[in-house]
mmCIF file of all heavy atoms, coordinates in Angstrom:
data_MODEL
# 
_entry.id   MODEL 
# 
loop_
_atom_site.group_PDB 
_atom_site.id 
_atom_site.type_symbol 
_atom_site.label_atom_id 
_atom_site.label_alt_id 
_atom_site.label_comp_id 
_atom_site.label_asym_id 
_atom_site.label_entity_id 
_atom_site.label_seq_id 
_atom_site.pdbx_PDB_ins_code 
_atom_site.Cartn_x 
_atom_site.Cartn_y 
_atom_site.Cartn_z 
_atom_site.occupancy 
_atom_site.B_iso_or_equiv 
_atom_site.pdbx_formal_charge 
_atom_site.auth_seq_id 
_atom_site.auth_comp_id 
_atom_site.auth_asym_id 
_atom_site.auth_atom_id 
_atom_site.pdbx_PDB_model_num 
ATOM 1   N N   . ASN A 1 1  ? 63.916  111.167 46.675 1.00 0.00 ? 1  ASN A N   1 
ATOM 2   C CA  . ASN A 1 1  ? 62.620  111.845 46.631 1.00 0.00 ? 1  ASN A CA  1 
ATOM 3   C C   . ASN A 1 1  ? 61.871  111.398 45.387 1.00 0.00 ? 1  ASN A C   1 
ATOM 4   O O   . ASN A 1 1  ? 62.414  111.441 44.277 1.00 0.00 ? 1  ASN A O   1 
ATOM 5   C CB  . ASN A 1 1  ? 62.810  113.369 46.573 1.00 0.00 ? 1  ASN A CB  1 
ATOM 6   C CG  . ASN A 1 1  ? 63.253  113.951 47.893 1.00 0.00 ? 1  ASN A CG  1 
ATOM 7   O OD1 . ASN A 1 1  ? 62.797  113.530 48.944 1.00 0.00 ? 1  ASN A OD1 1 
ATOM 8   N ND2 . ASN A 1 1  ? 64.147  114.932 47.838 1.00 0.00 ? 1  ASN A ND2 1 
ATOM 9   N N   . SER A 1 2  ? 60.634  110.994 45.571 1.00 0.00 ? 2  SER A N   1 
ATOM 10  C CA  . SER A 1 2  ? 59.800  110.624 44.438 1.00 0.00 ? 2  SER A CA  1 
ATOM 11  C C   . SER A 1 2  ? 59.563  111.854 43.566 1.00 0.00 ? 2  SER A C   1 
ATOM 12  O O   . SER A 1 2  ? 59.532  112.985 44.064 1.00 0.00 ? 2  SER A O   1 
ATOM 13  C CB  . SER A 1 2  ? 58.475  110.063 44.951 1.00 0.00 ? 2  SER A CB  1 
ATOM 14  O OG  . SER A 1 2  ? 57.671  109.654 43.882 1.00 0.00 ? 2  SER A OG  1 
ATOM 15  N N   . MET A 1 3  ? 59.386  111.615 42.265 1.00 0.00 ? 3  MET A N   1 
ATOM 16  C CA  . MET A 1 3  ? 59.141  112.675 41.278 1.00 0.00 ? 3  MET A CA  1 
ATOM 17  C C   . MET A 1 3  ? 60.347  113.609 41.109 1.00 0.00 ? 3  MET A C   1 
ATOM 18  O O   . MET A 1 3  ? 60.199  114.787 40.777 1.00 0.00 ? 3  MET A O   1 
ATOM 19  C CB  . MET A 1 3  ? 57.884  113.487 41.616 1.00 0.00 ? 3  MET A CB  1 
ATOM 20  C CG  . MET A 1 3  ? 56.656  112.628 41.901 1.00 0.00 ? 3  MET A CG  1 
ATOM 21  S SD  . MET A 1 3  ? 56.294  111.465 40.589 1.00 0.00 ? 3  MET A SD  1 
ATOM 22  C CE  . MET A 1 3  ? 54.928  112.292 39.805 1.00 0.00 ? 3  MET A CE  1 
ATOM 23  N N   . HIS A 1 4  ? 61.540  113.067 41.338 1.00 0.00 ? 4  HIS A N   1 
ATOM 24  C CA  . HIS A 1 4  ? 62.793  113.786 41.119 1.00 0.00 ? 4  HIS A CA  1 
ATOM 25  C C   . HIS A 1 4  ? 63.678  112.915 40.225 1.00 0.00 ? 4  HIS A C   1 
ATOM 26  O O   . HIS A 1 4  ? 63.577  111.694 40.252 1.00 0.00 ? 4  HIS A O   1 
ATOM 27  C CB  . HIS A 1 4  ? 63.507  114.062 42.445 1.00 0.00 ? 4  HIS A CB  1 
ATOM 28  C CG  . HIS A 1 4  ? 62.810  115.067 43.302 1.00 0.00 ? 4  HIS A CG  1 
ATOM 29  N ND1 . HIS A 1 4  ? 61.556  114.853 43.831 1.00 0.00 ? 4  HIS A ND1 1 
ATOM 30  C CD2 . HIS A 1 4  ? 63.191  116.295 43.723 1.00 0.00 ? 4  HIS A CD2 1 
ATOM 31  C CE1 . HIS A 1 4  ? 61.195  115.911 44.553 1.00 0.00 ? 4  HIS A CE1 1 
ATOM 32  N NE2 . HIS A 1 4  ? 62.163  116.806 44.490 1.00 0.00 ? 4  HIS A NE2 1 
ATOM 33  N N   . ARG A 1 5  ? 64.571  113.558 39.462 1.00 0.00 ? 5  ARG A N   1 
ATOM 34  C CA  . ARG A 1 5  ? 65.459  112.849 38.522 1.00 0.00 ? 5  ARG A CA  1 
ATOM 35  C C   . ARG A 1 5  ? 66.831  112.629 39.147 1.00 0.00 ? 5  ARG A C   1 
ATOM 36  O O   . ARG A 1 5  ? 67.377  113.515 39.809 1.00 0.00 ? 5  ARG A O   1 
ATOM 37  C CB  . ARG A 1 5  ? 65.611  113.651 37.229 1.00 0.00 ? 5  ARG A CB  1 
ATOM 38  C CG  . ARG A 1 5  ? 64.300  113.782 36.469 1.00 0.00 ? 5  ARG A CG  1 
ATOM 39  C CD  . ARG A 1 5  ? 64.474  114.507 35.147 1.00 0.00 ? 5  ARG A CD  1 
ATOM 40  N NE  . ARG A 1 5  ? 65.328  113.710 34.282 1.00 0.00 ? 5  ARG A NE  1 
ATOM 41  C CZ  . ARG A 1 5  ? 66.230  114.209 33.435 1.00 0.00 ? 5  ARG A CZ  1 
ATOM 42  N NH1 . ARG A 1 5  ? 66.398  115.508 33.335 1.00 0.00 ? 5  ARG A NH1 1 
ATOM 43  N NH2 . ARG A 1 5  ? 66.959  113.424 32.683 1.00 0.00 ? 5  ARG A NH2 1 
ATOM 44  N N   . TYR A 1 6  ? 67.395  111.441 38.892 1.00 0.00 ? 6  TYR A N   1 
ATOM 45  C CA  . TYR A 1 6  ? 68.682  111.068 39.482 1.00 0.00 ? 6  TYR A CA  1 
ATOM 46  C C   . TYR A 1 6  ? 69.633  110.443 38.470 1.00 0.00 ? 6  TYR A C   1 
ATOM 47  O O   . TYR A 1 6  ? 69.201  109.834 37.494 1.00 0.00 ? 6  TYR A O   1 
ATOM 48  C CB  . TYR A 1 6  ? 68.468  110.069 40.627 1.00 0.00 ? 6  TYR A CB  1 
ATOM 49  C CG  . TYR A 1 6  ? 67.772  110.695 41.811 1.00 0.00 ? 6  TYR A CG  1 
ATOM 50  C CD1 . TYR A 1 6  ? 66.395  110.605 41.954 1.00 0.00 ? 6  TYR A CD1 1 
ATOM 51  C CD2 . TYR A 1 6  ? 68.494  111.397 42.770 1.00 0.00 ? 6  TYR A CD2 1 
ATOM 52  C CE1 . TYR A 1 6  ? 65.753  111.188 43.034 1.00 0.00 ? 6  TYR A CE1 1 
ATOM 53  C CE2 . TYR A 1 6  ? 67.859  111.994 43.851 1.00 0.00 ? 6  TYR A CE2 1 
ATOM 54  C CZ  . TYR A 1 6  ? 66.485  111.886 43.976 1.00 0.00 ? 6  TYR A CZ  1 
ATOM 55  O OH  . TYR A 1 6  ? 65.855  112.473 45.036 1.00 0.00 ? 6  TYR A OH  1 
ATOM 56  N N   . GLN A 1 7  ? 70.922  110.595 38.773 1.00 0.00 ? 7  GLN A N   1 
ATOM 57  C CA  . GLN A 1 7  ? 71.986  109.954 38.008 1.00 0.00 ? 7  GLN A CA  1 
ATOM 58  C C   . GLN A 1 7  ? 72.754  109.019 38.949 1.00 0.00 ? 7  GLN A C   1 
ATOM 59  O O   . GLN A 1 7  ? 73.375  109.481 39.903 1.00 0.00 ? 7  GLN A O   1 
ATOM 60  C CB  . GLN A 1 7  ? 72.966  110.992 37.443 1.00 0.00 ? 7  GLN A CB  1 
ATOM 61  C CG  . GLN A 1 7  ? 74.215  110.397 36.817 1.00 0.00 ? 7  GLN A CG  1 
ATOM 62  C CD  . GLN A 1 7  ? 73.922  109.612 35.555 1.00 0.00 ? 7  GLN A CD  1 
ATOM 63  O OE1 . GLN A 1 7  ? 73.443  110.156 34.573 1.00 0.00 ? 7  GLN A OE1 1 
ATOM 64  N NE2 . GLN A 1 7  ? 74.196  108.315 35.581 1.00 0.00 ? 7  GLN A NE2 1 
ATOM 65  N N   . PRO A 1 8  ? 72.693  107.706 38.714 1.00 0.00 ? 8  PRO A N   1 
ATOM 66  C CA  . PRO A 1 8  ? 73.535  106.801 39.502 1.00 0.00 ? 8  PRO A CA  1 
ATOM 67  C C   . PRO A 1 8  ? 75.007  107.026 39.152 1.00 0.00 ? 8  PRO A C   1 
ATOM 68  O O   . PRO A 1 8  ? 75.341  107.290 37.995 1.00 0.00 ? 8  PRO A O   1 
ATOM 69  C CB  . PRO A 1 8  ? 73.097  105.399 39.040 1.00 0.00 ? 8  PRO A CB  1 
ATOM 70  C CG  . PRO A 1 8  ? 71.796  105.587 38.342 1.00 0.00 ? 8  PRO A CG  1 
ATOM 71  C CD  . PRO A 1 8  ? 71.824  106.980 37.786 1.00 0.00 ? 8  PRO A CD  1 
ATOM 72  N N   . ARG A 1 9  ? 75.864  106.929 40.163 1.00 0.00 ? 9  ARG A N   1 
ATOM 73  C CA  . ARG A 1 9  ? 77.309  107.005 39.941 1.00 0.00 ? 9  ARG A CA  1 
ATOM 74  C C   . ARG A 1 9  ? 77.950  105.772 40.560 1.00 0.00 ? 9  ARG A C   1 
ATOM 75  O O   . ARG A 1 9  ? 77.547  105.330 41.642 1.00 0.00 ? 9  ARG A O   1 
ATOM 76  C CB  . ARG A 1 9  ? 77.912  108.262 40.576 1.00 0.00 ? 9  ARG A CB  1 
ATOM 77  C CG  . ARG A 1 9  ? 77.535  109.536 39.870 1.00 0.00 ? 9  ARG A CG  1 
ATOM 78  C CD  . ARG A 1 9  ? 78.320  110.713 40.385 1.00 0.00 ? 9  ARG A CD  1 
ATOM 79  N NE  . ARG A 1 9  ? 78.241  110.820 41.841 1.00 0.00 ? 9  ARG A NE  1 
ATOM 80  C CZ  . ARG A 1 9  ? 78.818  111.781 42.570 1.00 0.00 ? 9  ARG A CZ  1 
ATOM 81  N NH1 . ARG A 1 9  ? 79.523  112.707 41.982 1.00 0.00 ? 9  ARG A NH1 1 
ATOM 82  N NH2 . ARG A 1 9  ? 78.688  111.813 43.876 1.00 0.00 ? 9  ARG A NH2 1 
ATOM 83  N N   . PHE A 1 10 ? 78.942  105.246 39.884 1.00 0.00 ? 10 PHE A N   1 
ATOM 84  C CA  . PHE A 1 10 ? 79.650  104.043 40.312 1.00 0.00 ? 10 PHE A CA  1 
ATOM 85  C C   . PHE A 1 10 ? 81.094  104.427 40.636 1.00 0.00 ? 10 PHE A C   1 
ATOM 86  O O   . PHE A 1 10 ? 81.724  105.159 39.864 1.00 0.00 ? 10 PHE A O   1 
ATOM 87  C CB  . PHE A 1 10 ? 79.587  103.008 39.180 1.00 0.00 ? 10 PHE A CB  1 
ATOM 88  C CG  . PHE A 1 10 ? 80.490  101.834 39.368 1.00 0.00 ? 10 PHE A CG  1 
ATOM 89  C CD1 . PHE A 1 10 ? 80.284  100.940 40.404 1.00 0.00 ? 10 PHE A CD1 1 
ATOM 90  C CD2 . PHE A 1 10 ? 81.544  101.609 38.503 1.00 0.00 ? 10 PHE A CD2 1 
ATOM 91  C CE1 . PHE A 1 10 ? 81.119  99.850  40.576 1.00 0.00 ? 10 PHE A CE1 1 
ATOM 92  C CE2 . PHE A 1 10 ? 82.380  100.521 38.657 1.00 0.00 ? 10 PHE A CE2 1 
ATOM 93  C CZ  . PHE A 1 10 ? 82.165  99.637  39.697 1.00 0.00 ? 10 PHE A CZ  1 
ATOM 94  N N   . HIS A 1 11 ? 81.602  103.955 41.768 1.00 0.00 ? 11 HIS A N   1 
ATOM 95  C CA  . HIS A 1 11 ? 82.944  104.334 42.221 1.00 0.00 ? 11 HIS A CA  1 
ATOM 96  C C   . HIS A 1 11 ? 83.795  103.103 42.516 1.00 0.00 ? 11 HIS A C   1 
ATOM 97  O O   . HIS A 1 11 ? 83.328  102.169 43.173 1.00 0.00 ? 11 HIS A O   1 
ATOM 98  C CB  . HIS A 1 11 ? 82.860  105.181 43.494 1.00 0.00 ? 11 HIS A CB  1 
ATOM 99  C CG  . HIS A 1 11 ? 81.909  106.337 43.402 1.00 0.00 ? 11 HIS A CG  1 
ATOM 100 N ND1 . HIS A 1 11 ? 82.233  107.532 42.819 1.00 0.00 ? 11 HIS A ND1 1 
ATOM 101 C CD2 . HIS A 1 11 ? 80.613  106.454 43.803 1.00 0.00 ? 11 HIS A CD2 1 
ATOM 102 C CE1 . HIS A 1 11 ? 81.192  108.354 42.883 1.00 0.00 ? 11 HIS A CE1 1 
ATOM 103 N NE2 . HIS A 1 11 ? 80.198  107.712 43.460 1.00 0.00 ? 11 HIS A NE2 1 
ATOM 104 N N   . VAL A 1 12 ? 85.024  103.142 42.030 1.00 0.00 ? 12 VAL A N   1 
ATOM 105 C CA  . VAL A 1 12 ? 86.022  102.115 42.322 1.00 0.00 ? 12 VAL A CA  1 
ATOM 106 C C   . VAL A 1 12 ? 87.031  102.775 43.255 1.00 0.00 ? 12 VAL A C   1 
ATOM 107 O O   . VAL A 1 12 ? 87.639  103.791 42.904 1.00 0.00 ? 12 VAL A O   1 
ATOM 108 C CB  . VAL A 1 12 ? 86.741  101.637 41.039 1.00 0.00 ? 12 VAL A CB  1 
ATOM 109 C CG1 . VAL A 1 12 ? 87.850  100.652 41.360 1.00 0.00 ? 12 VAL A CG1 1 
ATOM 110 C CG2 . VAL A 1 12 ? 85.730  101.039 40.058 1.00 0.00 ? 12 VAL A CG2 1 
ATOM 111 N N   . VAL A 1 13 ? 87.201  102.201 44.464 1.00 0.00 ? 13 VAL A N   1 
ATOM 112 C CA  . VAL A 1 13 ? 88.081  102.803 45.461 1.00 0.00 ? 13 VAL A CA  1 
ATOM 113 C C   . VAL A 1 13 ? 89.198  101.824 45.810 1.00 0.00 ? 13 VAL A C   1 
ATOM 114 O O   . VAL A 1 13 ? 88.936  100.706 46.280 1.00 0.00 ? 13 VAL A O   1 
ATOM 115 C CB  . VAL A 1 13 ? 87.300  103.177 46.747 1.00 0.00 ? 13 VAL A CB  1 
ATOM 116 C CG1 . VAL A 1 13 ? 88.232  103.844 47.757 1.00 0.00 ? 13 VAL A CG1 1 
ATOM 117 C CG2 . VAL A 1 13 ? 86.118  104.076 46.416 1.00 0.00 ? 13 VAL A CG2 1 
ATOM 118 N N   . PHE A 1 14 ? 90.442  102.237 45.562 1.00 0.00 ? 14 PHE A N   1 
ATOM 119 C CA  . PHE A 1 14 ? 91.607  101.444 45.944 1.00 0.00 ? 14 PHE A CA  1 
ATOM 120 C C   . PHE A 1 14 ? 91.781  101.532 47.453 1.00 0.00 ? 14 PHE A C   1 
ATOM 121 O O   . PHE A 1 14 ? 91.781  102.623 48.028 1.00 0.00 ? 14 PHE A O   1 
ATOM 122 C CB  . PHE A 1 14 ? 92.850  101.972 45.212 1.00 0.00 ? 14 PHE A CB  1 
ATOM 123 C CG  . PHE A 1 14 ? 94.152  101.496 45.777 1.00 0.00 ? 14 PHE A CG  1 
ATOM 124 C CD1 . PHE A 1 14 ? 94.449  100.131 45.826 1.00 0.00 ? 14 PHE A CD1 1 
ATOM 125 C CD2 . PHE A 1 14 ? 95.089  102.390 46.253 1.00 0.00 ? 14 PHE A CD2 1 
ATOM 126 C CE1 . PHE A 1 14 ? 95.652  99.691  46.357 1.00 0.00 ? 14 PHE A CE1 1 
ATOM 127 C CE2 . PHE A 1 14 ? 96.294  101.957 46.775 1.00 0.00 ? 14 PHE A CE2 1 
ATOM 128 C CZ  . PHE A 1 14 ? 96.581  100.600 46.831 1.00 0.00 ? 14 PHE A CZ  1 
ATOM 129 N N   . VAL A 1 15 ? 91.907  100.382 48.105 1.00 0.00 ? 15 VAL A N   1 
ATOM 130 C CA  . VAL A 1 15 ? 92.130  100.341 49.560 1.00 0.00 ? 15 VAL A CA  1 
ATOM 131 C C   . VAL A 1 15 ? 93.627  100.529 49.780 1.00 0.00 ? 15 VAL A C   1 
ATOM 132 O O   . VAL A 1 15 ? 94.419  99.606  49.615 1.00 0.00 ? 15 VAL A O   1 
ATOM 133 C CB  . VAL A 1 15 ? 91.629  99.020  50.181 1.00 0.00 ? 15 VAL A CB  1 
ATOM 134 C CG1 . VAL A 1 15 ? 91.891  99.010  51.681 1.00 0.00 ? 15 VAL A CG1 1 
ATOM 135 C CG2 . VAL A 1 15 ? 90.151  98.808  49.878 1.00 0.00 ? 15 VAL A CG2 1 
ATOM 136 N N   . ASP A 1 16 ? 93.996  101.741 50.128 1.00 0.00 ? 16 ASP A N   1 
ATOM 137 C CA  . ASP A 1 16 ? 95.397  102.134 50.272 1.00 0.00 ? 16 ASP A CA  1 
ATOM 138 C C   . ASP A 1 16 ? 95.934  101.634 51.613 1.00 0.00 ? 16 ASP A C   1 
ATOM 139 O O   . ASP A 1 16 ? 95.442  102.026 52.666 1.00 0.00 ? 16 ASP A O   1 
ATOM 140 C CB  . ASP A 1 16 ? 95.488  103.660 50.191 1.00 0.00 ? 16 ASP A CB  1 
ATOM 141 C CG  . ASP A 1 16 ? 96.899  104.163 49.989 1.00 0.00 ? 16 ASP A CG  1 
ATOM 142 O OD1 . ASP A 1 16 ? 97.847  103.490 50.425 1.00 0.00 ? 16 ASP A OD1 1 
ATOM 143 O OD2 . ASP A 1 16 ? 97.040  105.249 49.393 1.00 0.00 ? 16 ASP A OD2 1 
ATOM 144 N N   . PRO A 1 17 ? 96.957  100.754 51.595 1.00 0.00 ? 17 PRO A N   1 
ATOM 145 C CA  . PRO A 1 17 ? 97.471  100.203 52.858 1.00 0.00 ? 17 PRO A CA  1 
ATOM 146 C C   . PRO A 1 17 ? 98.368  101.161 53.660 1.00 0.00 ? 17 PRO A C   1 
ATOM 147 O O   . PRO A 1 17 ? 98.701  100.874 54.802 1.00 0.00 ? 17 PRO A O   1 
ATOM 148 C CB  . PRO A 1 17 ? 98.274  98.982  52.389 1.00 0.00 ? 17 PRO A CB  1 
ATOM 149 C CG  . PRO A 1 17 ? 98.716  99.328  51.005 1.00 0.00 ? 17 PRO A CG  1 
ATOM 150 C CD  . PRO A 1 17 ? 97.636  100.204 50.428 1.00 0.00 ? 17 PRO A CD  1 
ATOM 151 N N   . ARG A 1 18 ? 98.720  102.306 53.077 1.00 0.00 ? 18 ARG A N   1 
ATOM 152 C CA  . ARG A 1 18 ? 99.603  103.242 53.792 1.00 0.00 ? 18 ARG A CA  1 
ATOM 153 C C   . ARG A 1 18 ? 98.935  103.768 55.058 1.00 0.00 ? 18 ARG A C   1 
ATOM 154 O O   . ARG A 1 18 ? 97.732  104.000 55.088 1.00 0.00 ? 18 ARG A O   1 
ATOM 155 C CB  . ARG A 1 18 ? 99.991  104.418 52.890 1.00 0.00 ? 18 ARG A CB  1 
ATOM 156 C CG  . ARG A 1 18 ? 100.882 104.014 51.729 1.00 0.00 ? 18 ARG A CG  1 
ATOM 157 C CD  . ARG A 1 18 ? 101.187 105.182 50.828 1.00 0.00 ? 18 ARG A CD  1 
ATOM 158 N NE  . ARG A 1 18 ? 100.041 105.464 49.973 1.00 0.00 ? 18 ARG A NE  1 
ATOM 159 C CZ  . ARG A 1 18 ? 100.069 106.284 48.932 1.00 0.00 ? 18 ARG A CZ  1 
ATOM 160 N NH1 . ARG A 1 18 ? 101.177 106.921 48.617 1.00 0.00 ? 18 ARG A NH1 1 
ATOM 161 N NH2 . ARG A 1 18 ? 99.001  106.481 48.208 1.00 0.00 ? 18 ARG A NH2 1 
ATOM 162 N N   . ARG A 1 19 ? 99.731  103.952 56.074 1.00 0.00 ? 19 ARG A N   1 
ATOM 163 C CA  . ARG A 1 19 ? 99.228  104.410 57.371 1.00 0.00 ? 19 ARG A CA  1 
ATOM 164 C C   . ARG A 1 19 ? 98.524  105.770 57.267 1.00 0.00 ? 19 ARG A C   1 
ATOM 165 O O   . ARG A 1 19 ? 97.533  106.009 57.930 1.00 0.00 ? 19 ARG A O   1 
ATOM 166 C CB  . ARG A 1 19 ? 100.399 104.509 58.359 1.00 0.00 ? 19 ARG A CB  1 
ATOM 167 C CG  . ARG A 1 19 ? 99.979  104.674 59.800 1.00 0.00 ? 19 ARG A CG  1 
ATOM 168 C CD  . ARG A 1 19 ? 101.183 104.676 60.698 1.00 0.00 ? 19 ARG A CD  1 
ATOM 169 N NE  . ARG A 1 19 ? 101.956 103.458 60.440 1.00 0.00 ? 19 ARG A NE  1 
ATOM 170 C CZ  . ARG A 1 19 ? 102.428 102.670 61.390 1.00 0.00 ? 19 ARG A CZ  1 
ATOM 171 N NH1 . ARG A 1 19 ? 102.245 102.972 62.639 1.00 0.00 ? 19 ARG A NH1 1 
ATOM 172 N NH2 . ARG A 1 19 ? 103.107 101.598 61.087 1.00 0.00 ? 19 ARG A NH2 1 
ATOM 173 N N   . ASP A 1 20 ? 99.023  106.647 56.405 1.00 0.00 ? 20 ASP A N   1 
ATOM 174 C CA  . ASP A 1 20 ? 98.439  107.986 56.254 1.00 0.00 ? 20 ASP A CA  1 
ATOM 175 C C   . ASP A 1 20 ? 97.599  108.059 54.974 1.00 0.00 ? 20 ASP A C   1 
ATOM 176 O O   . ASP A 1 20 ? 97.562  109.082 54.293 1.00 0.00 ? 20 ASP A O   1 
ATOM 177 C CB  . ASP A 1 20 ? 99.537  109.058 56.247 1.00 0.00 ? 20 ASP A CB  1 
ATOM 178 C CG  . ASP A 1 20 ? 100.561 108.849 55.143 1.00 0.00 ? 20 ASP A CG  1 
ATOM 179 O OD1 . ASP A 1 20 ? 100.571 107.742 54.536 1.00 0.00 ? 20 ASP A OD1 1 
ATOM 180 O OD2 . ASP A 1 20 ? 101.341 109.771 54.872 1.00 0.00 ? 20 ASP A OD2 1 
ATOM 181 N N   . SER A 1 21 ? 96.894  106.964 54.668 1.00 0.00 ? 21 SER A N   1 
ATOM 182 C CA  . SER A 1 21 ? 96.167  106.846 53.397 1.00 0.00 ? 21 SER A CA  1 
ATOM 183 C C   . SER A 1 21 ? 95.113  107.938 53.194 1.00 0.00 ? 21 SER A C   1 
ATOM 184 O O   . SER A 1 21 ? 94.807  108.291 52.060 1.00 0.00 ? 21 SER A O   1 
ATOM 185 C CB  . SER A 1 21 ? 95.519  105.473 53.281 1.00 0.00 ? 21 SER A CB  1 
ATOM 186 O OG  . SER A 1 21 ? 94.561  105.301 54.299 1.00 0.00 ? 21 SER A OG  1 
ATOM 187 N N   . GLU A 1 22 ? 94.564  108.483 54.283 1.00 0.00 ? 22 GLU A N   1 
ATOM 188 C CA  . GLU A 1 22 ? 93.543  109.523 54.115 1.00 0.00 ? 22 GLU A CA  1 
ATOM 189 C C   . GLU A 1 22 ? 94.094  110.749 53.386 1.00 0.00 ? 22 GLU A C   1 
ATOM 190 O O   . GLU A 1 22 ? 93.351  111.473 52.739 1.00 0.00 ? 22 GLU A O   1 
ATOM 191 C CB  . GLU A 1 22 ? 92.898  109.914 55.456 1.00 0.00 ? 22 GLU A CB  1 
ATOM 192 C CG  . GLU A 1 22 ? 93.805  110.585 56.459 1.00 0.00 ? 22 GLU A CG  1 
ATOM 193 C CD  . GLU A 1 22 ? 94.690  109.611 57.251 1.00 0.00 ? 22 GLU A CD  1 
ATOM 194 O OE1 . GLU A 1 22 ? 94.510  108.392 57.145 1.00 0.00 ? 22 GLU A OE1 1 
ATOM 195 O OE2 . GLU A 1 22 ? 95.577  110.103 57.978 1.00 0.00 ? 22 GLU A OE2 1 
ATOM 196 N N   . ARG A 1 23 ? 95.409  110.974 53.465 1.00 0.00 ? 23 ARG A N   1 
ATOM 197 C CA  . ARG A 1 23 ? 96.034  112.090 52.752 1.00 0.00 ? 23 ARG A CA  1 
ATOM 198 C C   . ARG A 1 23 ? 95.930  111.907 51.242 1.00 0.00 ? 23 ARG A C   1 
ATOM 199 O O   . ARG A 1 23 ? 96.023  112.872 50.491 1.00 0.00 ? 23 ARG A O   1 
ATOM 200 C CB  . ARG A 1 23 ? 97.521  112.222 53.121 1.00 0.00 ? 23 ARG A CB  1 
ATOM 201 C CG  . ARG A 1 23 ? 97.759  112.794 54.507 1.00 0.00 ? 23 ARG A CG  1 
ATOM 202 C CD  . ARG A 1 23 ? 99.248  112.990 54.792 1.00 0.00 ? 23 ARG A CD  1 
ATOM 203 N NE  . ARG A 1 23 ? 99.986  113.529 53.673 1.00 0.00 ? 23 ARG A NE  1 
ATOM 204 C CZ  . ARG A 1 23 ? 101.222 113.127 53.329 1.00 0.00 ? 23 ARG A CZ  1 
ATOM 205 N NH1 . ARG A 1 23 ? 101.831 112.170 54.003 1.00 0.00 ? 23 ARG A NH1 1 
ATOM 206 N NH2 . ARG A 1 23 ? 101.839 113.673 52.306 1.00 0.00 ? 23 ARG A NH2 1 
ATOM 207 N N   . PHE A 1 24 ? 95.757  110.672 50.803 1.00 0.00 ? 24 PHE A N   1 
ATOM 208 C CA  . PHE A 1 24 ? 95.747  110.364 49.367 1.00 0.00 ? 24 PHE A CA  1 
ATOM 209 C C   . PHE A 1 24 ? 94.357  109.963 48.876 1.00 0.00 ? 24 PHE A C   1 
ATOM 210 O O   . PHE A 1 24 ? 94.210  109.477 47.757 1.00 0.00 ? 24 PHE A O   1 
ATOM 211 C CB  . PHE A 1 24 ? 96.742  109.234 49.072 1.00 0.00 ? 24 PHE A CB  1 
ATOM 212 C CG  . PHE A 1 24 ? 98.116  109.520 49.589 1.00 0.00 ? 24 PHE A CG  1 
ATOM 213 C CD1 . PHE A 1 24 ? 98.557  108.942 50.772 1.00 0.00 ? 24 PHE A CD1 1 
ATOM 214 C CD2 . PHE A 1 24 ? 98.968  110.389 48.916 1.00 0.00 ? 24 PHE A CD2 1 
ATOM 215 C CE1 . PHE A 1 24 ? 99.819  109.208 51.261 1.00 0.00 ? 24 PHE A CE1 1 
ATOM 216 C CE2 . PHE A 1 24 ? 100.235 110.660 49.413 1.00 0.00 ? 24 PHE A CE2 1 
ATOM 217 C CZ  . PHE A 1 24 ? 100.670 110.076 50.584 1.00 0.00 ? 24 PHE A CZ  1 
ATOM 218 N N   . ALA A 1 25 ? 93.358  110.145 49.713 1.00 0.00 ? 25 ALA A N   1 
ATOM 219 C CA  . ALA A 1 25 ? 92.007  109.676 49.390 1.00 0.00 ? 25 ALA A CA  1 
ATOM 220 C C   . ALA A 1 25 ? 91.546  110.167 48.016 1.00 0.00 ? 25 ALA A C   1 
ATOM 221 O O   . ALA A 1 25 ? 90.935  109.409 47.248 1.00 0.00 ? 25 ALA A O   1 
ATOM 222 C CB  . ALA A 1 25 ? 91.022  110.112 50.463 1.00 0.00 ? 25 ALA A CB  1 
ATOM 223 N N   . HIS A 1 26 ? 91.827  111.432 47.686 1.00 0.00 ? 26 HIS A N   1 
ATOM 224 C CA  . HIS A 1 26 ? 91.388  112.007 46.403 1.00 0.00 ? 26 HIS A CA  1 
ATOM 225 C C   . HIS A 1 26 ? 92.038  111.335 45.198 1.00 0.00 ? 26 HIS A C   1 
ATOM 226 O O   . HIS A 1 26 ? 91.547  111.442 44.082 1.00 0.00 ? 26 HIS A O   1 
ATOM 227 C CB  . HIS A 1 26 ? 91.667  113.515 46.392 1.00 0.00 ? 26 HIS A CB  1 
ATOM 228 C CG  . HIS A 1 26 ? 93.113  113.859 46.492 1.00 0.00 ? 26 HIS A CG  1 
ATOM 229 N ND1 . HIS A 1 26 ? 93.814  113.746 47.680 1.00 0.00 ? 26 HIS A ND1 1 
ATOM 230 C CD2 . HIS A 1 26 ? 94.004  114.278 45.556 1.00 0.00 ? 26 HIS A CD2 1 
ATOM 231 C CE1 . HIS A 1 26 ? 95.079  114.093 47.466 1.00 0.00 ? 26 HIS A CE1 1 
ATOM 232 N NE2 . HIS A 1 26 ? 95.215  114.415 46.194 1.00 0.00 ? 26 HIS A NE2 1 
ATOM 233 N N   . GLN A 1 27 ? 93.164  110.616 45.429 1.00 0.00 ? 27 GLN A N   1 
ATOM 234 C CA  . GLN A 1 27 ? 93.870  109.942 44.327 1.00 0.00 ? 27 GLN A CA  1 
ATOM 235 C C   . GLN A 1 27 ? 93.456  108.478 44.184 1.00 0.00 ? 27 GLN A C   1 
ATOM 236 O O   . GLN A 1 27 ? 93.768  107.844 43.191 1.00 0.00 ? 27 GLN A O   1 
ATOM 237 C CB  . GLN A 1 27 ? 95.386  109.959 44.583 1.00 0.00 ? 27 GLN A CB  1 
ATOM 238 C CG  . GLN A 1 27 ? 95.985  111.328 44.666 1.00 0.00 ? 27 GLN A CG  1 
ATOM 239 C CD  . GLN A 1 27 ? 97.449  111.262 45.103 1.00 0.00 ? 27 GLN A CD  1 
ATOM 240 O OE1 . GLN A 1 27 ? 98.002  110.198 45.354 1.00 0.00 ? 27 GLN A OE1 1 
ATOM 241 N NE2 . GLN A 1 27 ? 98.077  112.421 45.197 1.00 0.00 ? 27 GLN A NE2 1 
ATOM 242 N N   . ASN A 1 28 ? 92.763  107.947 45.197 1.00 0.00 ? 28 ASN A N   1 
ATOM 243 C CA  . ASN A 1 28 ? 92.553  106.501 45.286 1.00 0.00 ? 28 ASN A CA  1 
ATOM 244 C C   . ASN A 1 28 ? 91.188  106.015 44.808 1.00 0.00 ? 28 ASN A C   1 
ATOM 245 O O   . ASN A 1 28 ? 90.771  104.922 45.150 1.00 0.00 ? 28 ASN A O   1 
ATOM 246 C CB  . ASN A 1 28 ? 92.791  106.020 46.720 1.00 0.00 ? 28 ASN A CB  1 
ATOM 247 C CG  . ASN A 1 28 ? 94.261  106.077 47.083 1.00 0.00 ? 28 ASN A CG  1 
ATOM 248 O OD1 . ASN A 1 28 ? 95.126  106.010 46.221 1.00 0.00 ? 28 ASN A OD1 1 
ATOM 249 N ND2 . ASN A 1 28 ? 94.536  106.205 48.370 1.00 0.00 ? 28 ASN A ND2 1 
# 
C-alpha cells in the first residue's frame, strides 16, 4: 500500500530432504 511503512525481511530456508520435513518446518 502506498503511503505505508514497511520492513523487508530476508529468509534462509534449508530444503529438508526428510519425507516428513513439514513437521520440522519451524526449525529449517
